[in-house]
Amino acid sequence: MKHPPAAHILPHLVGPEEAARILGVKPGTLQVWRSTGRVNLPYVKIGGKVKYRLSDLERFIENRLCQHTS
């Protein structure tokens, strides 16, 4: 018997369209990253649907922060 994911986890997951909007890329870019492994951005498949944890998206952004040194 399948059980739905815990309710407290679901608000922290977003689909590729929302993840792309957050990152400022196209959903197709995320698909390329998933299929090639070119960019390390964790995702999970639930019922055949791709989901991203908001915490992973935040970490992805934090790891790409640039600081001006001039």
Foldseek 3Di string as FASTA:
>chain_A
DDDDPDPVQVVQKDALCVLCVLVVHHSVVVVVCVVPVPDDQDWDADPNGIIHGNVSSVVSVVVPDDDDPD
